[in-house]
Each structure stands twice: as C-alpha cells, then as structure tokens.
Amino acid sequence: MYAVVETGGKQYRVAVGDRIEVERLDAEPGTDVTLDRVLLVADGEDVRVGTPVVEGARVVASVEDQIKGKKVIVFKFKPKKRYRRKQGHRQQLTRLTIKEIVA
C-alpha cells in the first residue's frame, strides 16, 4: 500500500516504514504529525485518486529530526563590470518516518 501526499508545495510517494525529508514542519522530534493532503491511495489493484484530495484519507508520520539540507551556492556575476556576489543557502528540513496510511 502506498500514497501520494503533498506538503511544503511538493509531492511525495510514501509507504509504511519510509523515511522522507520534507520542508520544515513546526513539530518537536518524537511527536506524530498527520498529513491530510493525500492525493492518491493505492492498495494493490484498488487505486483511489482525489479531486484534488482523497476524502477521509490521511498519513500518520513520526518526526525523527529537524535538520538542514545540503548547501546551495548562489553566485551572481556580470562580466567586465567587477560584479560578483556569492551567497549560500541551507534549507531547513524535517525528517519523517511513515507509520500508518489510513484510507
């Protein structure tokens, strides 16, 4: 059984036991969060697609950790003008473990 959930403007295909990293959620490590925006639930041949979400479906996940992603370098450059700007960014992420898919 798997589901497609939306959080943080991105979509993730999840199954029970999966570990995913999503945009930062406001939750403490060790607590459970419920992802309500379930776009698709599939159990073998039975596939339910939402319009846009599946009614009554939810995914329960446990918050493992609050982490930072890999550094992304932003470099602006204009030739022949001595203009160079270097900036780094590390996105705040939340690591989740999927515990249950409720269809």
N, C-alpha and C. Protein backbone atom coordinates (compact mmCIF):
# COMPACT_ATOMS: atom_id res chain seq x y z
N MET A 1 0.85 -1.17 0.00
CA MET A 1 0.00 0.00 0.00
C MET A 1 0.89 1.24 0.00
N TYR A 2 0.55 2.21 -0.82
CA TYR A 2 1.29 3.46 -0.86
C TYR A 2 0.33 4.62 -1.08
N ALA A 3 0.84 5.83 -0.85
CA ALA A 3 0.04 7.03 -1.01
C ALA A 3 0.93 8.13 -1.58
N VAL A 4 0.29 9.12 -2.19
CA VAL A 4 0.99 10.31 -2.65
C VAL A 4 0.45 11.47 -1.81
N VAL A 5 1.35 12.12 -1.06
CA VAL A 5 0.95 13.23 -0.20
C VAL A 5 1.63 14.51 -0.66
N GLU A 6 1.00 15.63 -0.32
CA GLU A 6 1.55 16.94 -0.65
C GLU A 6 1.83 17.68 0.65
N THR A 7 3.04 18.18 0.78
CA THR A 7 3.41 19.02 1.91
C THR A 7 4.55 19.94 1.49
N GLY A 8 4.46 21.18 1.89
CA GLY A 8 5.52 22.13 1.55
C GLY A 8 5.59 22.43 0.07
N GLY A 9 4.48 22.27 -0.66
CA GLY A 9 4.47 22.55 -2.09
C GLY A 9 5.07 21.46 -2.95
N LYS A 10 5.41 20.32 -2.35
CA LYS A 10 5.98 19.20 -3.09
C LYS A 10 5.17 17.95 -2.84
N GLN A 11 5.28 16.99 -3.74
CA GLN A 11 4.54 15.73 -3.62
C GLN A 11 5.52 14.59 -3.37
N TYR A 12 5.11 13.66 -2.50
CA TYR A 12 5.96 12.53 -2.12
C TYR A 12 5.16 11.24 -2.21
N ARG A 13 5.77 10.19 -2.76
CA ARG A 13 5.18 8.85 -2.77
C ARG A 13 5.71 8.13 -1.55
N VAL A 14 4.79 7.72 -0.65
CA VAL A 14 5.21 7.15 0.62
C VAL A 14 4.53 5.80 0.85
N ALA A 15 5.21 4.95 1.59
CA ALA A 15 4.68 3.67 2.05
C ALA A 15 5.03 3.56 3.53
N VAL A 16 4.42 2.63 4.23
CA VAL A 16 4.68 2.46 5.65
C VAL A 16 6.15 2.06 5.84
N GLY A 17 6.83 2.75 6.75
CA GLY A 17 8.23 2.48 7.02
C GLY A 17 9.20 3.36 6.26
N ASP A 18 8.74 4.13 5.30
CA ASP A 18 9.62 5.02 4.53
C ASP A 18 10.09 6.19 5.40
N ARG A 19 11.30 6.68 5.09
CA ARG A 19 11.84 7.88 5.71
C ARG A 19 11.96 8.94 4.63
N ILE A 20 11.34 10.10 4.85
CA ILE A 20 11.40 11.18 3.87
C ILE A 20 11.83 12.47 4.56
N GLU A 21 12.37 13.38 3.77
CA GLU A 21 12.74 14.70 4.25
C GLU A 21 11.86 15.71 3.54
N VAL A 22 11.09 16.47 4.32
CA VAL A 22 10.14 17.45 3.78
C VAL A 22 10.53 18.84 4.25
N GLU A 23 9.90 19.86 3.66
CA GLU A 23 10.11 21.22 4.12
C GLU A 23 9.75 21.29 5.61
N ARG A 24 10.41 22.16 6.34
CA ARG A 24 10.29 22.21 7.80
C ARG A 24 8.84 22.28 8.26
N LEU A 25 8.50 21.37 9.19
CA LEU A 25 7.20 21.37 9.86
C LEU A 25 7.42 21.82 11.30
N ASP A 26 6.47 22.53 11.85
CA ASP A 26 6.58 23.03 13.21
C ASP A 26 6.15 21.94 14.18
N ALA A 27 7.05 20.99 14.46
CA ALA A 27 6.78 19.89 15.37
C ALA A 27 8.08 19.45 16.03
N GLU A 28 7.98 19.01 17.27
CA GLU A 28 9.14 18.56 18.01
C GLU A 28 9.51 17.14 17.61
N PRO A 29 10.80 16.78 17.64
CA PRO A 29 11.20 15.39 17.38
C PRO A 29 10.56 14.45 18.39
N GLY A 30 10.08 13.31 17.89
CA GLY A 30 9.41 12.33 18.73
C GLY A 30 7.90 12.42 18.71
N THR A 31 7.35 13.51 18.17
CA THR A 31 5.90 13.65 18.10
C THR A 31 5.39 13.10 16.77
N ASP A 32 4.09 12.91 16.69
CA ASP A 32 3.45 12.44 15.46
C ASP A 32 2.78 13.61 14.75
N VAL A 33 2.84 13.60 13.42
CA VAL A 33 2.13 14.59 12.61
C VAL A 33 1.21 13.85 11.65
N THR A 34 0.12 14.51 11.28
CA THR A 34 -0.83 13.94 10.35
C THR A 34 -0.79 14.76 9.06
N LEU A 35 -0.55 14.09 7.95
CA LEU A 35 -0.54 14.73 6.64
C LEU A 35 -1.91 14.49 6.01
N ASP A 36 -2.70 15.56 5.88
CA ASP A 36 -4.09 15.44 5.41
C ASP A 36 -4.23 15.57 3.90
N ARG A 37 -3.27 16.19 3.24
CA ARG A 37 -3.37 16.38 1.78
C ARG A 37 -2.89 15.13 1.07
N VAL A 38 -3.75 14.12 1.03
CA VAL A 38 -3.45 12.85 0.36
C VAL A 38 -4.08 12.91 -1.03
N LEU A 39 -3.25 12.84 -2.06
CA LEU A 39 -3.73 12.98 -3.44
C LEU A 39 -4.09 11.64 -4.06
N LEU A 40 -3.49 10.55 -3.58
CA LEU A 40 -3.73 9.24 -4.16
C LEU A 40 -3.45 8.17 -3.11
N VAL A 41 -4.30 7.13 -3.10
CA VAL A 41 -4.07 5.98 -2.22
C VAL A 41 -4.21 4.74 -3.09
N ALA A 42 -3.20 3.86 -3.05
CA ALA A 42 -3.23 2.63 -3.85
C ALA A 42 -2.96 1.44 -2.95
N ASP A 43 -3.82 0.43 -3.07
CA ASP A 43 -3.66 -0.81 -2.31
C ASP A 43 -3.87 -1.96 -3.30
N GLY A 44 -2.77 -2.41 -3.91
CA GLY A 44 -2.87 -3.45 -4.93
C GLY A 44 -3.57 -2.92 -6.17
N GLU A 45 -4.70 -3.54 -6.54
CA GLU A 45 -5.46 -3.11 -7.72
C GLU A 45 -6.40 -1.96 -7.40
N ASP A 46 -6.69 -1.72 -6.12
CA ASP A 46 -7.60 -0.65 -5.71
C ASP A 46 -6.85 0.67 -5.64
N VAL A 47 -7.12 1.58 -6.57
CA VAL A 47 -6.47 2.89 -6.61
C VAL A 47 -7.54 3.97 -6.49
N ARG A 48 -7.36 4.86 -5.52
CA ARG A 48 -8.29 5.98 -5.33
C ARG A 48 -7.54 7.27 -5.58
N VAL A 49 -8.02 8.04 -6.55
CA VAL A 49 -7.41 9.32 -6.90
C VAL A 49 -8.35 10.42 -6.44
N GLY A 50 -7.79 11.43 -5.76
CA GLY A 50 -8.60 12.51 -5.24
C GLY A 50 -8.83 13.61 -6.25
N THR A 51 -9.82 14.46 -5.95
CA THR A 51 -10.12 15.62 -6.80
C THR A 51 -10.23 16.87 -5.94
N PRO A 52 -9.24 17.51 -5.45
CA PRO A 52 -7.83 17.15 -5.57
C PRO A 52 -7.33 16.22 -4.48
N VAL A 53 -8.07 16.07 -3.35
CA VAL A 53 -7.61 15.18 -2.28
C VAL A 53 -8.60 14.05 -2.08
N VAL A 54 -8.13 12.93 -1.54
CA VAL A 54 -8.98 11.78 -1.24
C VAL A 54 -9.68 12.06 0.09
N GLU A 55 -11.01 12.00 0.08
CA GLU A 55 -11.80 12.29 1.29
C GLU A 55 -11.53 11.24 2.37
N GLY A 56 -11.24 11.70 3.59
CA GLY A 56 -11.05 10.81 4.72
C GLY A 56 -9.70 10.13 4.80
N ALA A 57 -8.84 10.33 3.84
CA ALA A 57 -7.53 9.69 3.84
C ALA A 57 -6.53 10.58 4.57
N ARG A 58 -5.62 9.93 5.29
CA ARG A 58 -4.56 10.67 5.97
C ARG A 58 -3.36 9.75 6.16
N VAL A 59 -2.22 10.38 6.35
CA VAL A 59 -0.98 9.65 6.58
C VAL A 59 -0.42 10.12 7.91
N VAL A 60 -0.13 9.18 8.80
CA VAL A 60 0.44 9.49 10.11
C VAL A 60 1.93 9.21 10.05
N ALA A 61 2.72 10.21 10.47
CA ALA A 61 4.18 10.09 10.43
C ALA A 61 4.76 10.55 11.76
N SER A 62 5.93 10.03 12.08
CA SER A 62 6.64 10.41 13.29
C SER A 62 7.80 11.32 12.92
N VAL A 63 7.96 12.41 13.67
CA VAL A 63 9.06 13.34 13.41
C VAL A 63 10.32 12.78 14.05
N GLU A 64 11.33 12.51 13.21
CA GLU A 64 12.60 11.99 13.72
C GLU A 64 13.53 13.11 14.13
N ASP A 65 13.67 14.12 13.25
CA ASP A 65 14.68 15.12 13.49
C ASP A 65 14.39 16.38 12.68
N GLN A 66 14.91 17.51 13.15
CA GLN A 66 14.90 18.76 12.39
C GLN A 66 16.33 18.97 11.90
N ILE A 67 16.52 19.04 10.59
CA ILE A 67 17.87 19.10 10.03
C ILE A 67 17.98 20.23 9.01
N LYS A 68 19.19 20.44 8.51
CA LYS A 68 19.43 21.37 7.41
C LYS A 68 19.87 20.57 6.20
N GLY A 69 19.45 21.01 5.02
CA GLY A 69 19.82 20.34 3.79
C GLY A 69 21.23 20.71 3.36
N LYS A 70 21.62 20.19 2.20
CA LYS A 70 22.94 20.50 1.66
C LYS A 70 23.00 21.96 1.25
N LYS A 71 24.21 22.52 1.30
CA LYS A 71 24.38 23.92 0.95
C LYS A 71 24.25 24.12 -0.55
N VAL A 72 23.49 25.14 -0.93
CA VAL A 72 23.34 25.54 -2.32
C VAL A 72 24.05 26.88 -2.48
N ILE A 73 24.94 26.96 -3.45
CA ILE A 73 25.70 28.19 -3.70
C ILE A 73 24.97 29.02 -4.75
N VAL A 74 24.74 30.30 -4.42
CA VAL A 74 24.14 31.25 -5.36
C VAL A 74 25.24 32.23 -5.74
N PHE A 75 25.60 32.27 -7.02
CA PHE A 75 26.69 33.13 -7.47
C PHE A 75 26.20 34.02 -8.60
N LYS A 76 26.21 35.33 -8.36
CA LYS A 76 25.80 36.30 -9.39
C LYS A 76 27.07 36.93 -9.97
N PHE A 77 27.07 37.11 -11.29
CA PHE A 77 28.27 37.56 -11.96
C PHE A 77 27.89 38.35 -13.20
N LYS A 78 28.51 39.52 -13.37
CA LYS A 78 28.33 40.30 -14.59
C LYS A 78 29.71 40.53 -15.20
N PRO A 79 29.91 40.05 -16.40
CA PRO A 79 31.24 40.15 -16.99
C PRO A 79 31.64 41.61 -17.27
N LYS A 80 32.93 41.89 -17.12
CA LYS A 80 33.55 43.18 -17.43
C LYS A 80 33.09 44.32 -16.53
N LYS A 81 32.35 44.03 -15.46
CA LYS A 81 31.83 45.09 -14.59
C LYS A 81 32.31 44.95 -13.14
N ARG A 82 33.16 43.97 -12.85
CA ARG A 82 33.66 43.70 -11.50
C ARG A 82 32.51 43.45 -10.51
N TYR A 83 31.47 42.79 -10.96
CA TYR A 83 30.32 42.49 -10.10
C TYR A 83 30.27 40.99 -9.83
N ARG A 84 30.51 40.63 -8.58
CA ARG A 84 30.44 39.23 -8.17
C ARG A 84 29.82 39.17 -6.79
N ARG A 85 28.82 38.32 -6.62
CA ARG A 85 28.17 38.13 -5.33
C ARG A 85 28.03 36.64 -5.08
N LYS A 86 28.58 36.16 -3.97
CA LYS A 86 28.48 34.75 -3.62
C LYS A 86 27.67 34.63 -2.33
N GLN A 87 26.68 33.75 -2.37
CA GLN A 87 25.81 33.57 -1.23
C GLN A 87 25.46 32.09 -1.10
N GLY A 88 25.37 31.60 0.12
CA GLY A 88 25.00 30.21 0.34
C GLY A 88 23.65 30.11 1.02
N HIS A 89 23.00 28.96 0.87
CA HIS A 89 21.69 28.73 1.50
C HIS A 89 21.58 27.27 1.89
N ARG A 90 21.08 27.03 3.11
CA ARG A 90 20.80 25.67 3.57
C ARG A 90 19.34 25.63 4.00
N GLN A 91 18.55 24.81 3.33
CA GLN A 91 17.11 24.72 3.60
C GLN A 91 16.86 23.96 4.89
N GLN A 92 15.91 24.44 5.68
CA GLN A 92 15.50 23.75 6.91
C GLN A 92 14.56 22.61 6.52
N LEU A 93 14.84 21.40 7.00
CA LEU A 93 14.07 20.21 6.65
C LEU A 93 13.62 19.47 7.91
N THR A 94 12.59 18.66 7.74
CA THR A 94 12.11 17.78 8.80
C THR A 94 12.16 16.36 8.26
N ARG A 95 12.80 15.44 9.02
CA ARG A 95 12.88 14.05 8.62
C ARG A 95 11.73 13.30 9.27
N LEU A 96 10.92 12.62 8.43
CA LEU A 96 9.73 11.89 8.90
C LEU A 96 9.87 10.41 8.63
N THR A 97 9.27 9.60 9.50
CA THR A 97 9.12 8.17 9.28
C THR A 97 7.63 7.89 9.19
N ILE A 98 7.20 7.26 8.10
CA ILE A 98 5.78 6.99 7.88
C ILE A 98 5.37 5.81 8.75
N LYS A 99 4.34 6.03 9.58
CA LYS A 99 3.88 4.99 10.49
C LYS A 99 2.62 4.29 9.98
N GLU A 100 1.71 5.06 9.36
CA GLU A 100 0.40 4.49 9.03
C GLU A 100 -0.22 5.26 7.88
N ILE A 101 -0.91 4.53 6.99
CA ILE A 101 -1.70 5.14 5.92
C ILE A 101 -3.15 4.76 6.15
N VAL A 102 -3.99 5.74 6.40
CA VAL A 102 -5.41 5.49 6.66
C VAL A 102 -6.19 5.90 5.42
N ALA A 103 -6.83 4.90 4.78
CA ALA A 103 -7.61 5.19 3.58
C ALA A 103 -9.05 5.39 3.97
